[in-house]
Amino acid sequence: MKTHILRLRAENKDIFEAIKSGNKKVETRAATDTYTKIQVGDRLKFVCDKESFQRSVAKIKLFKTITAILKDYSPQEINPKTKTKSETIDMYYSFPNYRDKIKKYGLVAFELK
């Protein structure tokens, strides 16, 4: 069992708080080498500004596209502030280089406990 650090930008403090409170039980990232090395049972240390907390990975799923991930998870499960497919796509594309990363690597979803 390993601990992996996942950083959230200060502007995504709301997402950090939603994970911390348990309202957001699925964390997604572009499926780069960094994130595909994470295994079920590993711990994720979420860091935003000077705050941090940890959650365990209960399940991992890989997806080729945003459309594919939305077949398994609702927009609200991915981000409590998104309600539609369009809002979810806009959210992913707002992250630096995510349009290209998703096209190249796909997405990985971590179900948290």
PDB file of N, CA and C in Angstrom:
ATOM      1  N   MET A   1       0.839  -1.178   0.000  1.00  0.00           N
ATOM      2  CA  MET A   1       0.000   0.000   0.000  1.00  0.00           C
ATOM      3  C   MET A   1       0.888   1.247   0.000  1.00  0.00           C
ATOM      4  N   LYS A   2       0.642   2.123  -0.964  1.00  0.00           N
ATOM      5  CA  LYS A   2       1.425   3.350  -1.089  1.00  0.00           C
ATOM      6  C   LYS A   2       0.517   4.551  -0.877  1.00  0.00           C
ATOM      7  N   THR A   3       1.131   5.686  -0.577  1.00  0.00           N
ATOM      8  CA  THR A   3       0.407   6.954  -0.498  1.00  0.00           C
ATOM      9  C   THR A   3       0.851   7.816  -1.669  1.00  0.00           C
ATOM     10  N   HIS A   4      -0.112   8.348  -2.395  1.00  0.00           N
ATOM     11  CA  HIS A   4       0.148   9.199  -3.550  1.00  0.00           C
ATOM     12  C   HIS A   4      -0.423  10.586  -3.265  1.00  0.00           C
ATOM     13  N   ILE A   5       0.315  11.611  -3.641  1.00  0.00           N
ATOM     14  CA  ILE A   5      -0.141  12.985  -3.416  1.00  0.00           C
ATOM     15  C   ILE A   5      -0.882  13.480  -4.651  1.00  0.00           C
ATOM     16  N   LEU A   6      -2.102  13.959  -4.445  1.00  0.00           N
ATOM     17  CA  LEU A   6      -2.900  14.584  -5.509  1.00  0.00           C
ATOM     18  C   LEU A   6      -3.127  16.031  -5.120  1.00  0.00           C
ATOM     19  N   ARG A   7      -2.605  16.924  -5.933  1.00  0.00           N
ATOM     20  CA  ARG A   7      -2.724  18.356  -5.646  1.00  0.00           C
ATOM     21  C   ARG A   7      -3.932  18.948  -6.367  1.00  0.00           C
ATOM     22  N   LEU A   8      -4.606  19.844  -5.668  1.00  0.00           N
ATOM     23  CA  LEU A   8      -5.701  20.601  -6.271  1.00  0.00           C
ATOM     24  C   LEU A   8      -5.336  22.072  -6.216  1.00  0.00           C
ATOM     25  N   ARG A   9      -5.617  22.765  -7.311  1.00  0.00           N
ATOM     26  CA  ARG A   9      -5.317  24.191  -7.375  1.00  0.00           C
ATOM     27  C   ARG A   9      -6.203  24.947  -6.391  1.00  0.00           C
ATOM     28  N   ALA A  10      -5.719  26.093  -5.909  1.00  0.00           N
ATOM     29  CA  ALA A  10      -6.483  26.908  -4.953  1.00  0.00           C
ATOM     30  C   ALA A  10      -7.865  27.243  -5.508  1.00  0.00           C
ATOM     31  N   GLU A  11      -7.963  27.447  -6.822  1.00  0.00           N
ATOM     32  CA  GLU A  11      -9.267  27.776  -7.413  1.00  0.00           C
ATOM     33  C   GLU A  11     -10.219  26.583  -7.402  1.00  0.00           C
ATOM     34  N   ASN A  12      -9.699  25.396  -7.085  1.00  0.00           N
ATOM     35  CA  ASN A  12     -10.542  24.202  -6.976  1.00  0.00           C
ATOM     36  C   ASN A  12     -10.743  23.777  -5.518  1.00  0.00           C
ATOM     37  N   LYS A  13     -10.666  24.739  -4.633  1.00  0.00           N
ATOM     38  CA  LYS A  13     -10.848  24.489  -3.195  1.00  0.00           C
ATOM     39  C   LYS A  13     -12.213  23.851  -2.924  1.00  0.00           C
ATOM     40  N   ASP A  14     -13.231  24.226  -3.700  1.00  0.00           N
ATOM     41  CA  ASP A  14     -14.570  23.651  -3.512  1.00  0.00           C
ATOM     42  C   ASP A  14     -14.556  22.137  -3.759  1.00  0.00           C
ATOM     43  N   ILE A  15     -13.790  21.692  -4.751  1.00  0.00           N
ATOM     44  CA  ILE A  15     -13.678  20.263  -5.034  1.00  0.00           C
ATOM     45  C   ILE A  15     -12.946  19.567  -3.884  1.00  0.00           C
ATOM     46  N   PHE A  16     -11.871  20.190  -3.409  1.00  0.00           N
ATOM     47  CA  PHE A  16     -11.116  19.681  -2.262  1.00  0.00           C
ATOM     48  C   PHE A  16     -12.049  19.487  -1.063  1.00  0.00           C
ATOM     49  N   GLU A  17     -12.862  20.492  -0.774  1.00  0.00           N
ATOM     50  CA  GLU A  17     -13.785  20.432   0.366  1.00  0.00           C
ATOM     51  C   GLU A  17     -14.859  19.363   0.156  1.00  0.00           C
ATOM     52  N   ALA A  18     -15.326  19.196  -1.094  1.00  0.00           N
ATOM     53  CA  ALA A  18     -16.357  18.191  -1.382  1.00  0.00           C
ATOM     54  C   ALA A  18     -15.811  16.776  -1.165  1.00  0.00           C
ATOM     55  N   ILE A  19     -14.536  16.545  -1.528  1.00  0.00           N
ATOM     56  CA  ILE A  19     -13.917  15.240  -1.291  1.00  0.00           C
ATOM     57  C   ILE A  19     -13.742  15.038   0.215  1.00  0.00           C
ATOM     58  N   LYS A  20     -13.244  16.066   0.880  1.00  0.00           N
ATOM     59  CA  LYS A  20     -12.985  16.007   2.321  1.00  0.00           C
ATOM     60  C   LYS A  20     -14.261  15.682   3.098  1.00  0.00           C
ATOM     61  N   SER A  21     -15.370  16.300   2.719  1.00  0.00           N
ATOM     62  CA  SER A  21     -16.635  16.096   3.434  1.00  0.00           C
ATOM     63  C   SER A  21     -17.320  14.785   3.065  1.00  0.00           C
ATOM     64  N   GLY A  22     -16.853  14.151   1.984  1.00  0.00           N
ATOM     65  CA  GLY A  22     -17.465  12.908   1.545  1.00  0.00           C
ATOM     66  C   GLY A  22     -18.574  13.104   0.524  1.00  0.00           C
ATOM     67  N   ASN A  23     -18.864  14.349   0.140  1.00  0.00           N
ATOM     68  CA  ASN A  23     -19.886  14.618  -0.874  1.00  0.00           C
ATOM     69  C   ASN A  23     -19.434  14.187  -2.262  1.00  0.00           C
ATOM     70  N   LYS A  24     -18.129  14.173  -2.482  1.00  0.00           N
ATOM     71  CA  LYS A  24     -17.552  13.740  -3.767  1.00  0.00           C
ATOM     72  C   LYS A  24     -16.767  12.472  -3.486  1.00  0.00           C
ATOM     73  N   LYS A  25     -17.265  11.346  -3.998  1.00  0.00           N
ATOM     74  CA  LYS A  25     -16.660  10.053  -3.711  1.00  0.00           C
ATOM     75  C   LYS A  25     -15.849   9.496  -4.876  1.00  0.00           C
ATOM     76  N   VAL A  26     -15.786  10.248  -5.984  1.00  0.00           N
ATOM     77  CA  VAL A  26     -15.041   9.814  -7.165  1.00  0.00           C
ATOM     78  C   VAL A  26     -14.091  10.943  -7.567  1.00  0.00           C
ATOM     79  N   GLU A  27     -12.815  10.639  -7.648  1.00  0.00           N
ATOM     80  CA  GLU A  27     -11.833  11.608  -8.131  1.00  0.00           C
ATOM     81  C   GLU A  27     -11.321  11.114  -9.475  1.00  0.00           C
ATOM     82  N   THR A  28     -11.287  12.000 -10.451  1.00  0.00           N
ATOM     83  CA  THR A  28     -10.826  11.622 -11.787  1.00  0.00           C
ATOM     84  C   THR A  28      -9.601  12.429 -12.168  1.00  0.00           C
ATOM     85  N   ARG A  29      -8.773  11.812 -12.964  1.00  0.00           N
ATOM     86  CA  ARG A  29      -7.566  12.458 -13.494  1.00  0.00           C
ATOM     87  C   ARG A  29      -7.317  11.921 -14.897  1.00  0.00           C
ATOM     88  N   ALA A  30      -6.524  12.664 -15.685  1.00  0.00           N
ATOM     89  CA  ALA A  30      -6.064  12.119 -16.962  1.00  0.00           C
ATOM     90  C   ALA A  30      -5.225  10.886 -16.633  1.00  0.00           C
ATOM     91  N   ALA A  31      -5.384   9.829 -17.398  1.00  0.00           N
ATOM     92  CA  ALA A  31      -4.759   8.537 -17.081  1.00  0.00           C
ATOM     93  C   ALA A  31      -3.295   8.476 -17.508  1.00  0.00           C
ATOM     94  N   THR A  32      -2.521   9.430 -17.050  1.00  0.00           N
ATOM     95  CA  THR A  32      -1.081   9.437 -17.331  1.00  0.00           C
ATOM     96  C   THR A  32      -0.400   8.378 -16.461  1.00  0.00           C
ATOM     97  N   ASP A  33       0.868   8.116 -16.721  1.00  0.00           N
ATOM     98  CA  ASP A  33       1.625   7.123 -15.949  1.00  0.00           C
ATOM     99  C   ASP A  33       1.539   7.369 -14.446  1.00  0.00           C
ATOM    100  N   THR A  34       1.569   8.630 -14.049  1.00  0.00           N
ATOM    101  CA  THR A  34       1.513   8.982 -12.629  1.00  0.00           C
ATOM    102  C   THR A  34       0.294   8.368 -11.956  1.00  0.00           C
ATOM    103  N   TYR A  35      -0.851   8.428 -12.614  1.00  0.00           N
ATOM    104  CA  TYR A  35      -2.102   7.994 -11.995  1.00  0.00           C
ATOM    105  C   TYR A  35      -2.443   6.532 -12.265  1.00  0.00           C
ATOM    106  N   THR A  36      -1.931   5.956 -13.351  1.00  0.00           N
ATOM    107  CA  THR A  36      -2.238   4.547 -13.628  1.00  0.00           C
ATOM    108  C   THR A  36      -1.414   3.605 -12.754  1.00  0.00           C
ATOM    109  N   LYS A  37      -0.435   4.128 -12.026  1.00  0.00           N
ATOM    110  CA  LYS A  37       0.340   3.312 -11.089  1.00  0.00           C
ATOM    111  C   LYS A  37      -0.387   3.123  -9.760  1.00  0.00           C
ATOM    112  N   ILE A  38      -1.405   3.920  -9.512  1.00  0.00           N
ATOM    113  CA  ILE A  38      -2.166   3.831  -8.266  1.00  0.00           C
ATOM    114  C   ILE A  38      -3.012   2.561  -8.287  1.00  0.00           C
ATOM    115  N   GLN A  39      -3.055   1.872  -7.152  1.00  0.00           N
ATOM    116  CA  GLN A  39      -3.777   0.606  -7.052  1.00  0.00           C
ATOM    117  C   GLN A  39      -4.850   0.659  -5.971  1.00  0.00           C
ATOM    118  N   VAL A  40      -5.816  -0.251  -6.089  1.00  0.00           N
ATOM    119  CA  VAL A  40      -6.844  -0.378  -5.055  1.00  0.00           C
ATOM    120  C   VAL A  40      -6.147  -0.622  -3.714  1.00  0.00           C
ATOM    121  N   GLY A  41      -6.593   0.081  -2.679  1.00  0.00           N
ATOM    122  CA  GLY A  41      -5.989  -0.034  -1.355  1.00  0.00           C
ATOM    123  C   GLY A  41      -4.963   1.044  -1.064  1.00  0.00           C
ATOM    124  N   ASP A  42      -4.417   1.664  -2.120  1.00  0.00           N
ATOM    125  CA  ASP A  42      -3.481   2.770  -1.909  1.00  0.00           C
ATOM    126  C   ASP A  42      -4.220   3.946  -1.282  1.00  0.00           C
ATOM    127  N   ARG A  43      -3.449   4.834  -0.668  1.00  0.00           N
ATOM    128  CA  ARG A  43      -4.016   6.040  -0.062  1.00  0.00           C
ATOM    129  C   ARG A  43      -3.716   7.220  -0.969  1.00  0.00           C
ATOM    130  N   LEU A  44      -4.689   8.112  -1.073  1.00  0.00           N
ATOM    131  CA  LEU A  44      -4.506   9.356  -1.816  1.00  0.00           C
ATOM    132  C   LEU A  44      -4.470  10.493  -0.812  1.00  0.00           C
ATOM    133  N   LYS A  45      -3.401  11.260  -0.843  1.00  0.00           N
ATOM    134  CA  LYS A  45      -3.285  12.434   0.019  1.00  0.00           C
ATOM    135  C   LYS A  45      -3.640  13.648  -0.833  1.00  0.00           C
ATOM    136  N   PHE A  46      -4.774  14.247  -0.532  1.00  0.00           N
ATOM    137  CA  PHE A  46      -5.237  15.421  -1.263  1.00  0.00           C
ATOM    138  C   PHE A  46      -4.661  16.666  -0.603  1.00  0.00           C
ATOM    139  N   VAL A  47      -4.064  17.532  -1.415  1.00  0.00           N
ATOM    140  CA  VAL A  47      -3.415  18.735  -0.921  1.00  0.00           C
ATOM    141  C   VAL A  47      -3.956  19.941  -1.675  1.00  0.00           C
ATOM    142  N   CYS A  48      -4.349  20.973  -0.924  1.00  0.00           N
ATOM    143  CA  CYS A  48      -4.795  22.240  -1.509  1.00  0.00           C
ATOM    144  C   CYS A  48      -4.320  23.344  -0.576  1.00  0.00           C
ATOM    145  N   ASP A  49      -3.522  24.247  -1.102  1.00  0.00           N
ATOM    146  CA  ASP A  49      -2.855  25.262  -0.271  1.00  0.00           C
ATOM    147  C   ASP A  49      -2.069  24.549   0.824  1.00  0.00           C
ATOM    148  N   LYS A  50      -2.354  24.869   2.084  1.00  0.00           N
ATOM    149  CA  LYS A  50      -1.606  24.260   3.186  1.00  0.00           C
ATOM    150  C   LYS A  50      -2.398  23.143   3.872  1.00  0.00           C
ATOM    151  N   GLU A  51      -3.568  22.819   3.341  1.00  0.00           N
ATOM    152  CA  GLU A  51      -4.403  21.780   3.933  1.00  0.00           C
ATOM    153  C   GLU A  51      -4.212  20.444   3.220  1.00  0.00           C
ATOM    154  N   SER A  52      -4.427  19.365   3.953  1.00  0.00           N
ATOM    155  CA  SER A  52      -4.383  18.036   3.339  1.00  0.00           C
ATOM    156  C   SER A  52      -5.213  17.050   4.155  1.00  0.00           C
ATOM    157  N   PHE A  53      -5.597  15.964   3.522  1.00  0.00           N
ATOM    158  CA  PHE A  53      -6.265  14.843   4.167  1.00  0.00           C
ATOM    159  C   PHE A  53      -6.070  13.630   3.264  1.00  0.00           C
ATOM    160  N   GLN A  54      -6.418  12.444   3.761  1.00  0.00           N
ATOM    161  CA  GLN A  54      -6.217  11.220   2.982  1.00  0.00           C
ATOM    162  C   GLN A  54      -7.504  10.413   2.862  1.00  0.00           C
ATOM    163  N   ARG A  55      -7.609   9.701   1.744  1.00  0.00           N
ATOM    164  CA  ARG A  55      -8.693   8.751   1.496  1.00  0.00           C
ATOM    165  C   ARG A  55      -8.076   7.495   0.873  1.00  0.00           C
ATOM    166  N   SER A  56      -8.740   6.358   1.052  1.00  0.00           N
ATOM    167  CA  SER A  56      -8.296   5.106   0.432  1.00  0.00           C
ATOM    168  C   SER A  56      -8.995   4.911  -0.904  1.00  0.00           C
ATOM    169  N   VAL A  57      -8.321   4.218  -1.817  1.00  0.00           N
ATOM    170  CA  VAL A  57      -8.892   3.891  -3.123  1.00  0.00           C
ATOM    171  C   VAL A  57      -9.638   2.565  -3.001  1.00  0.00           C
ATOM    172  N   ALA A  58     -10.953   2.602  -3.253  1.00  0.00           N
ATOM    173  CA  ALA A  58     -11.779   1.401  -3.163  1.00  0.00           C
ATOM    174  C   ALA A  58     -11.886   0.689  -4.509  1.00  0.00           C
ATOM    175  N   LYS A  59     -11.895   1.469  -5.590  1.00  0.00           N
ATOM    176  CA  LYS A  59     -12.076   0.905  -6.928  1.00  0.00           C
ATOM    177  C   LYS A  59     -11.454   1.861  -7.941  1.00  0.00           C
ATOM    178  N   ILE A  60     -10.963   1.305  -9.052  1.00  0.00           N
ATOM    179  CA  ILE A  60     -10.353   2.100 -10.120  1.00  0.00           C
ATOM    180  C   ILE A  60     -10.960   1.685 -11.449  1.00  0.00           C
ATOM    181  N   LYS A  61     -11.315   2.670 -12.272  1.00  0.00           N
ATOM    182  CA  LYS A  61     -11.831   2.387 -13.613  1.00  0.00           C
ATOM    183  C   LYS A  61     -11.124   3.298 -14.611  1.00  0.00           C
ATOM    184  N   LEU A  62     -10.843   2.749 -15.793  1.00  0.00           N
ATOM    185  CA  LEU A  62     -10.219   3.515 -16.873  1.00  0.00           C
ATOM    186  C   LEU A  62     -11.244   3.774 -17.979  1.00  0.00           C
ATOM    187  N   PHE A  63     -11.161   4.952 -18.575  1.00  0.00           N
ATOM    188  CA  PHE A  63     -12.079   5.353 -19.647  1.00  0.00           C
ATOM    189  C   PHE A  63     -11.289   6.031 -20.760  1.00  0.00           C
ATOM    190  N   LYS A  64     -11.735   5.828 -22.000  1.00  0.00           N
ATOM    191  CA  LYS A  64     -11.057   6.445 -23.142  1.00  0.00           C
ATOM    192  C   LYS A  64     -11.499   7.883 -23.380  1.00  0.00           C
ATOM    193  N   THR A  65     -12.749   8.207 -22.995  1.00  0.00           N
ATOM    194  CA  THR A  65     -13.299   9.540 -23.290  1.00  0.00           C
ATOM    195  C   THR A  65     -14.149  10.052 -22.130  1.00  0.00           C
ATOM    196  N   ILE A  66     -14.477  11.332 -22.197  1.00  0.00           N
ATOM    197  CA  ILE A  66     -15.389  11.925 -21.216  1.00  0.00           C
ATOM    198  C   ILE A  66     -16.777  11.298 -21.366  1.00  0.00           C
ATOM    199  N   THR A  67     -17.212  11.075 -22.600  1.00  0.00           N
ATOM    200  CA  THR A  67     -18.512  10.438 -22.833  1.00  0.00           C
ATOM    201  C   THR A  67     -18.565   9.070 -22.163  1.00  0.00           C
ATOM    202  N   ALA A  68     -17.491   8.308 -22.252  1.00  0.00           N
ATOM    203  CA  ALA A  68     -17.442   6.972 -21.649  1.00  0.00           C
ATOM    204  C   ALA A  68     -17.543   7.038 -20.123  1.00  0.00           C
ATOM    205  N   ILE A  69     -16.848   7.981 -19.511  1.00  0.00           N
ATOM    206  CA  ILE A  69     -16.894   8.074 -18.039  1.00  0.00           C
ATOM    207  C   ILE A  69     -18.296   8.471 -17.576  1.00  0.00           C
ATOM    208  N   LEU A  70     -18.986   9.261 -18.405  1.00  0.00           N
ATOM    209  CA  LEU A  70     -20.337   9.705 -18.033  1.00  0.00           C
ATOM    210  C   LEU A  70     -21.381   8.595 -18.181  1.00  0.00           C
ATOM    211  N   LYS A  71     -20.997   7.466 -18.742  1.00  0.00           N
ATOM    212  CA  LYS A  71     -21.904   6.310 -18.771  1.00  0.00           C
ATOM    213  C   LYS A  71     -21.894   5.590 -17.419  1.00  0.00           C
ATOM    214  N   ASP A  72     -20.795   5.727 -16.671  1.00  0.00           N
ATOM    215  CA  ASP A  72     -20.682   5.088 -15.359  1.00  0.00           C
ATOM    216  C   ASP A  72     -20.947   6.045 -14.191  1.00  0.00           C
ATOM    217  N   TYR A  73     -20.650   7.321 -14.385  1.00  0.00           N
ATOM    218  CA  TYR A  73     -20.786   8.303 -13.308  1.00  0.00           C
ATOM    219  C   TYR A  73     -21.587   9.503 -13.795  1.00  0.00           C
ATOM    220  N   SER A  74     -22.402  10.036 -12.911  1.00  0.00           N
ATOM    221  CA  SER A  74     -23.150  11.256 -13.253  1.00  0.00           C
ATOM    222  C   SER A  74     -22.213  12.454 -13.162  1.00  0.00           C
ATOM    223  N   PRO A  75     -22.563  13.555 -13.839  1.00  0.00           N
ATOM    224  CA  PRO A  75     -21.728  14.760 -13.708  1.00  0.00           C
ATOM    225  C   PRO A  75     -21.523  15.174 -12.249  1.00  0.00           C
ATOM    226  N   GLN A  76     -22.567  15.045 -11.410  1.00  0.00           N
ATOM    227  CA  GLN A  76     -22.461  15.453 -10.006  1.00  0.00           C
ATOM    228  C   GLN A  76     -21.500  14.570  -9.215  1.00  0.00           C
ATOM    229  N   GLU A  77     -21.367  13.297  -9.596  1.00  0.00           N
ATOM    230  CA  GLU A  77     -20.417  12.424  -8.907  1.00  0.00           C
ATOM    231  C   GLU A  77     -18.984  12.828  -9.218  1.00  0.00           C
ATOM    232  N   ILE A  78     -18.761  13.346 -10.413  1.00  0.00           N
ATOM    233  CA  ILE A  78     -17.426  13.780 -10.833  1.00  0.00           C
ATOM    234  C   ILE A  78     -17.096  15.141 -10.231  1.00  0.00           C
ATOM    235  N   ASN A  79     -18.085  16.033 -10.242  1.00  0.00           N
ATOM    236  CA  ASN A  79     -17.942  17.366  -9.649  1.00  0.00           C
ATOM    237  C   ASN A  79     -19.328  17.824  -9.216  1.00  0.00           C
ATOM    238  N   PRO A  80     -19.545  17.998  -7.913  1.00  0.00           N
ATOM    239  CA  PRO A  80     -20.883  18.356  -7.433  1.00  0.00           C
ATOM    240  C   PRO A  80     -21.473  19.620  -8.070  1.00  0.00           C
ATOM    241  N   LYS A  81     -20.643  20.451  -8.663  1.00  0.00           N
ATOM    242  CA  LYS A  81     -21.149  21.683  -9.282  1.00  0.00           C
ATOM    243  C   LYS A  81     -21.587  21.497 -10.737  1.00  0.00           C
ATOM    244  N   THR A  82     -21.252  20.361 -11.356  1.00  0.00           N
ATOM    245  CA  THR A  82     -21.651  20.152 -12.745  1.00  0.00           C
ATOM    246  C   THR A  82     -22.934  19.334 -12.790  1.00  0.00           C
ATOM    247  N   LYS A  83     -23.800  19.689 -13.738  1.00  0.00           N
ATOM    248  CA  LYS A  83     -25.086  19.007 -13.842  1.00  0.00           C
ATOM    249  C   LYS A  83     -25.313  18.353 -15.201  1.00  0.00           C
ATOM    250  N   THR A  84     -24.545  18.757 -16.210  1.00  0.00           N
ATOM    251  CA  THR A  84     -24.756  18.243 -17.565  1.00  0.00           C
ATOM    252  C   THR A  84     -23.442  17.733 -18.156  1.00  0.00           C
ATOM    253  N   LYS A  85     -23.578  16.979 -19.244  1.00  0.00           N
ATOM    254  CA  LYS A  85     -22.402  16.503 -19.974  1.00  0.00           C
ATOM    255  C   LYS A  85     -21.569  17.693 -20.452  1.00  0.00           C
ATOM    256  N   SER A  86     -22.234  18.707 -20.976  1.00  0.00           N
ATOM    257  CA  SER A  86     -21.544  19.890 -21.484  1.00  0.00           C
ATOM    258  C   SER A  86     -20.740  20.597 -20.389  1.00  0.00           C
ATOM    259  N   GLU A  87     -21.330  20.744 -19.213  1.00  0.00           N
ATOM    260  CA  GLU A  87     -20.619  21.374 -18.091  1.00  0.00           C
ATOM    261  C   GLU A  87     -19.412  20.532 -17.665  1.00  0.00           C
ATOM    262  N   THR A  88     -19.568  19.214 -17.715  1.00  0.00           N
ATOM    263  CA  THR A  88     -18.471  18.320 -17.338  1.00  0.00           C
ATOM    264  C   THR A  88     -17.320  18.435 -18.336  1.00  0.00           C
ATOM    265  N   ILE A  89     -17.640  18.457 -19.617  1.00  0.00           N
ATOM    266  CA  ILE A  89     -16.610  18.631 -20.646  1.00  0.00           C
ATOM    267  C   ILE A  89     -15.900  19.961 -20.446  1.00  0.00           C
ATOM    268  N   ASP A  90     -16.664  21.032 -20.238  1.00  0.00           N
ATOM    269  CA  ASP A  90     -16.068  22.358 -20.014  1.00  0.00           C
ATOM    270  C   ASP A  90     -15.153  22.346 -18.787  1.00  0.00           C
ATOM    271  N   MET A  91     -15.565  21.645 -17.733  1.00  0.00           N
ATOM    272  CA  MET A  91     -14.750  21.562 -16.521  1.00  0.00           C
ATOM    273  C   MET A  91     -13.415  20.888 -16.826  1.00  0.00           C
ATOM    274  N   TYR A  92     -13.460  19.719 -17.492  1.00  0.00           N
ATOM    275  CA  TYR A  92     -12.200  19.027 -17.814  1.00  0.00           C
ATOM    276  C   TYR A  92     -11.297  19.901 -18.670  1.00  0.00           C
ATOM    277  N   TYR A  93     -11.864  20.551 -19.669  1.00  0.00           N
ATOM    278  CA  TYR A  93     -11.053  21.357 -20.583  1.00  0.00           C
ATOM    279  C   TYR A  93     -10.530  22.638 -19.932  1.00  0.00           C
ATOM    280  N   SER A  94     -11.056  23.000 -18.756  1.00  0.00           N
ATOM    281  CA  SER A  94     -10.548  24.176 -18.047  1.00  0.00           C
ATOM    282  C   SER A  94      -9.231  23.873 -17.331  1.00  0.00           C
ATOM    283  N   PHE A  95      -8.924  22.582 -17.139  1.00  0.00           N
ATOM    284  CA  PHE A  95      -7.672  22.210 -16.483  1.00  0.00           C
ATOM    285  C   PHE A  95      -6.531  22.274 -17.503  1.00  0.00           C
ATOM    286  N   PRO A  96      -5.337  22.725 -17.071  1.00  0.00           N
ATOM    287  CA  PRO A  96      -4.218  22.883 -17.999  1.00  0.00           C
ATOM    288  C   PRO A  96      -3.905  21.608 -18.786  1.00  0.00           C
ATOM    289  N   ASN A  97      -3.912  21.714 -20.098  1.00  0.00           N
ATOM    290  CA  ASN A  97      -3.539  20.634 -21.030  1.00  0.00           C
ATOM    291  C   ASN A  97      -4.460  19.411 -21.005  1.00  0.00           C
ATOM    292  N   TYR A  98      -5.626  19.500 -20.363  1.00  0.00           N
ATOM    293  CA  TYR A  98      -6.470  18.308 -20.249  1.00  0.00           C
ATOM    294  C   TYR A  98      -7.095  17.864 -21.560  1.00  0.00           C
ATOM    295  N   ARG A  99      -7.377  18.783 -22.457  1.00  0.00           N
ATOM    296  CA  ARG A  99      -7.955  18.369 -23.742  1.00  0.00           C
ATOM    297  C   ARG A  99      -7.002  17.377 -24.424  1.00  0.00           C
ATOM    298  N   ASP A 100      -5.716  17.718 -24.479  1.00  0.00           N
ATOM    299  CA  ASP A 100      -4.715  16.852 -25.112  1.00  0.00           C
ATOM    300  C   ASP A 100      -4.452  15.590 -24.289  1.00  0.00           C
ATOM    301  N   LYS A 101      -4.377  15.730 -22.956  1.00  0.00           N
ATOM    302  CA  LYS A 101      -4.107  14.568 -22.098  1.00  0.00           C
ATOM    303  C   LYS A 101      -5.217  13.532 -22.196  1.00  0.00           C
ATOM    304  N   ILE A 102      -6.465  13.977 -22.190  1.00  0.00           N
ATOM    305  CA  ILE A 102      -7.580  13.030 -22.275  1.00  0.00           C
ATOM    306  C   ILE A 102      -7.566  12.326 -23.629  1.00  0.00           C
ATOM    307  N   LYS A 103      -7.289  13.087 -24.684  1.00  0.00           N
ATOM    308  CA  LYS A 103      -7.228  12.497 -26.023  1.00  0.00           C
ATOM    309  C   LYS A 103      -6.130  11.428 -26.099  1.00  0.00           C
ATOM    310  N   LYS A 104      -4.995  11.695 -25.470  1.00  0.00           N
ATOM    311  CA  LYS A 104      -3.852  10.789 -25.531  1.00  0.00           C
ATOM    312  C   LYS A 104      -3.961   9.622 -24.544  1.00  0.00           C
ATOM    313  N   TYR A 105      -4.402   9.890 -23.306  1.00  0.00           N
ATOM    314  CA  TYR A 105      -4.348   8.891 -22.239  1.00  0.00           C
ATOM    315  C   TYR A 105      -5.714   8.382 -21.761  1.00  0.00           C
ATOM    316  N   GLY A 106      -6.765   9.144 -21.992  1.00  0.00           N
ATOM    317  CA  GLY A 106      -8.061   8.808 -21.412  1.00  0.00           C
ATOM    318  C   GLY A 106      -8.150   9.323 -19.988  1.00  0.00           C
ATOM    319  N   LEU A 107      -9.096   8.763 -19.229  1.00  0.00           N
ATOM    320  CA  LEU A 107      -9.334   9.200 -17.852  1.00  0.00           C
ATOM    321  C   LEU A 107      -9.294   8.000 -16.914  1.00  0.00           C
ATOM    322  N   VAL A 108      -8.887   8.252 -15.679  1.00  0.00           N
ATOM    323  CA  VAL A 108      -8.948   7.242 -14.638  1.00  0.00           C
ATOM    324  C   VAL A 108      -9.844   7.790 -13.526  1.00  0.00           C
ATOM    325  N   ALA A 109     -10.719   6.923 -13.016  1.00  0.00           N
ATOM    326  CA  ALA A 109     -11.608   7.290 -11.915  1.00  0.00           C
ATOM    327  C   ALA A 109     -11.237   6.480 -10.681  1.00  0.00           C
ATOM    328  N   PHE A 110     -11.080   7.176  -9.562  1.00  0.00           N
ATOM    329  CA  PHE A 110     -10.791   6.529  -8.291  1.00  0.00           C
ATOM    330  C   PHE A 110     -12.027   6.663  -7.408  1.00  0.00           C
ATOM    331  N   GLU A 111     -12.625   5.530  -7.047  1.00  0.00           N
ATOM    332  CA  GLU A 111     -13.726   5.563  -6.080  1.00  0.00           C
ATOM    333  C   GLU A 111     -13.100   5.539  -4.701  1.00  0.00           C
ATOM    334  N   LEU A 112     -13.501   6.501  -3.873  1.00  0.00           N
ATOM    335  CA  LEU A 112     -12.856   6.715  -2.575  1.00  0.00           C
ATOM    336  C   LEU A 112     -13.690   6.147  -1.434  1.00  0.00           C
ATOM    337  N   LYS A 113     -12.968   5.746  -0.368  1.00  0.00           N
ATOM    338  CA  LYS A 113     -13.678   5.343   0.856  1.00  0.00           C
ATOM    339  C   LYS A 113     -13.029   6.002   2.037  1.00  0.00           C
TER     340      LYS A 113
END
